[in-house]
Amino acid sequence: MSGFAETGVVKYSHPVEETQTVMTYVIAEPCINTKDTACVDACPVDCIHPKKDDPKHATEQLLYIDPVECIDCGACVPVCPVSAIFALDDLPEKWNSFTELNAKYFGR
């Protein structure tokens, strides 16, 4: 556990193929045409896009979580007014396609 004493954080790494993107949280169907940005404000690492001041906010149907930037903290989940954000393991099967949608938005 190197680094724990200094930071209080333990980082784990999992081998992943270069072409595979690991999602931690996914924004799903309930966000479509809602795009409430409470999750954007709650995110400590600025990984949810597009923001209200981004021109894409007007044209995108929902918000997306950057799978590389997300630190898996879950701060966005309880503030979503439409319960659209799920940990990947908790994502309802009917919304599995949103995993790829989130990753593709960021070109991943």
Protein backbone atom coordinates (compact mmCIF):
# COMPACT_ATOMS: atom_id res chain seq x y z
CA MET A 1 0.00 0.00 0.00
CA SER A 2 2.58 2.55 -0.97
CA GLY A 3 1.32 6.08 -0.82
CA PHE A 4 -1.43 5.38 1.73
CA ALA A 5 0.37 7.02 4.63
CA GLU A 6 0.93 10.21 2.65
CA THR A 7 -2.46 10.55 0.96
CA GLY A 8 -4.92 8.22 2.67
CA VAL A 9 -5.78 6.84 -0.77
CA VAL A 10 -5.01 3.40 -2.07
CA LYS A 11 -4.98 3.00 -5.85
CA TYR A 12 -5.64 -0.36 -7.45
CA SER A 13 -4.83 -1.11 -11.02
CA HIS A 14 -6.54 -3.70 -13.13
CA PRO A 15 -5.06 -4.93 -16.40
CA VAL A 16 -7.21 -3.72 -19.28
CA GLU A 17 -6.71 -4.16 -23.01
CA GLU A 18 -5.82 -0.91 -24.77
CA THR A 19 -9.08 -0.94 -26.74
CA GLN A 20 -11.26 -1.63 -23.70
CA THR A 21 -12.78 1.27 -21.79
CA VAL A 22 -13.77 0.62 -18.20
CA MET A 23 -16.82 2.57 -17.12
CA THR A 24 -17.39 3.24 -13.45
CA TYR A 25 -20.68 5.16 -13.63
CA VAL A 26 -23.11 5.49 -16.52
CA ILE A 27 -25.81 8.06 -17.24
CA ALA A 28 -28.83 6.28 -18.69
CA GLU A 29 -32.24 6.85 -20.29
CA PRO A 30 -33.94 8.90 -17.55
CA CYS A 31 -31.53 11.77 -18.35
CA ILE A 32 -32.77 12.08 -21.93
CA ASN A 33 -34.14 15.58 -22.46
CA THR A 34 -33.75 16.33 -18.74
CA LYS A 35 -30.04 17.19 -18.55
CA ASP A 36 -30.27 18.52 -15.01
CA THR A 37 -26.73 19.57 -14.11
CA ALA A 38 -26.79 18.92 -10.36
CA CYS A 39 -24.44 16.01 -11.09
CA VAL A 40 -22.02 18.34 -12.88
CA ASP A 41 -21.86 20.57 -9.81
CA ALA A 42 -21.38 17.59 -7.48
CA CYS A 43 -18.54 16.01 -9.48
CA PRO A 44 -15.16 16.76 -7.88
CA VAL A 45 -13.18 16.01 -11.06
CA ASP A 46 -15.27 17.71 -13.74
CA CYS A 47 -15.97 14.50 -15.71
CA ILE A 48 -19.65 15.05 -16.65
CA HIS A 49 -20.37 16.81 -19.93
CA PRO A 50 -21.67 18.77 -21.74
CA LYS A 51 -21.96 21.60 -19.27
CA LYS A 52 -24.66 24.27 -19.61
CA ASP A 53 -22.20 26.75 -21.14
CA ASP A 54 -21.04 24.23 -23.78
CA PRO A 55 -22.81 24.65 -27.16
CA LYS A 56 -23.28 20.85 -27.24
CA HIS A 57 -25.59 21.09 -24.20
CA ALA A 58 -28.39 22.36 -26.45
CA THR A 59 -28.04 19.55 -28.99
CA GLU A 60 -27.15 16.48 -26.91
CA GLN A 61 -30.05 14.47 -25.50
CA LEU A 62 -28.33 13.64 -22.22
CA LEU A 63 -25.20 14.17 -20.14
CA TYR A 64 -22.23 11.80 -20.24
CA ILE A 65 -19.56 10.63 -17.80
CA ASP A 66 -15.98 10.50 -19.07
CA PRO A 67 -14.78 6.97 -18.22
CA VAL A 68 -11.15 8.06 -17.98
CA GLU A 69 -11.70 11.11 -15.78
CA CYS A 70 -14.29 9.56 -13.42
CA ILE A 71 -12.74 8.60 -10.08
CA ASP A 72 -15.61 6.31 -9.04
CA CYS A 73 -16.62 8.47 -6.07
CA GLY A 74 -20.38 8.30 -6.66
CA ALA A 75 -21.00 11.93 -5.68
CA CYS A 76 -23.22 12.37 -8.74
CA VAL A 77 -25.64 9.54 -7.94
CA PRO A 78 -27.65 10.96 -5.03
CA VAL A 79 -28.04 14.43 -6.58
CA CYS A 80 -29.56 13.25 -9.86
CA PRO A 81 -33.25 14.23 -9.68
CA VAL A 82 -34.31 11.56 -12.20
CA SER A 83 -32.13 8.68 -10.88
CA ALA A 84 -30.33 8.33 -14.20
CA ILE A 85 -26.82 7.59 -12.89
CA PHE A 86 -25.79 4.05 -12.10
CA ALA A 87 -22.65 2.25 -11.06
CA LEU A 88 -21.84 -0.05 -13.96
CA ASP A 89 -22.65 -3.13 -11.86
CA ASP A 90 -26.07 -1.67 -10.99
CA LEU A 91 -27.05 -0.52 -14.49
CA PRO A 92 -30.38 -2.11 -15.47
CA GLU A 93 -29.87 -4.51 -18.37
CA LYS A 94 -32.39 -2.62 -20.51
CA TRP A 95 -30.00 0.36 -20.49
CA ASN A 96 -26.73 -1.47 -21.26
CA SER A 97 -26.40 0.45 -24.53
CA PHE A 98 -25.82 3.65 -22.53
CA THR A 99 -22.41 2.35 -21.43
CA GLU A 100 -21.19 2.57 -25.01
CA LEU A 101 -22.97 5.90 -25.58
CA ASN A 102 -21.14 7.46 -22.63
CA ALA A 103 -17.76 6.17 -23.79
CA LYS A 104 -18.34 7.15 -27.45
CA TYR A 105 -19.20 10.74 -26.53
CA PHE A 106 -15.59 11.08 -25.38
CA GLY A 107 -14.16 9.14 -28.33
CA ARG A 108 -13.26 6.16 -26.18
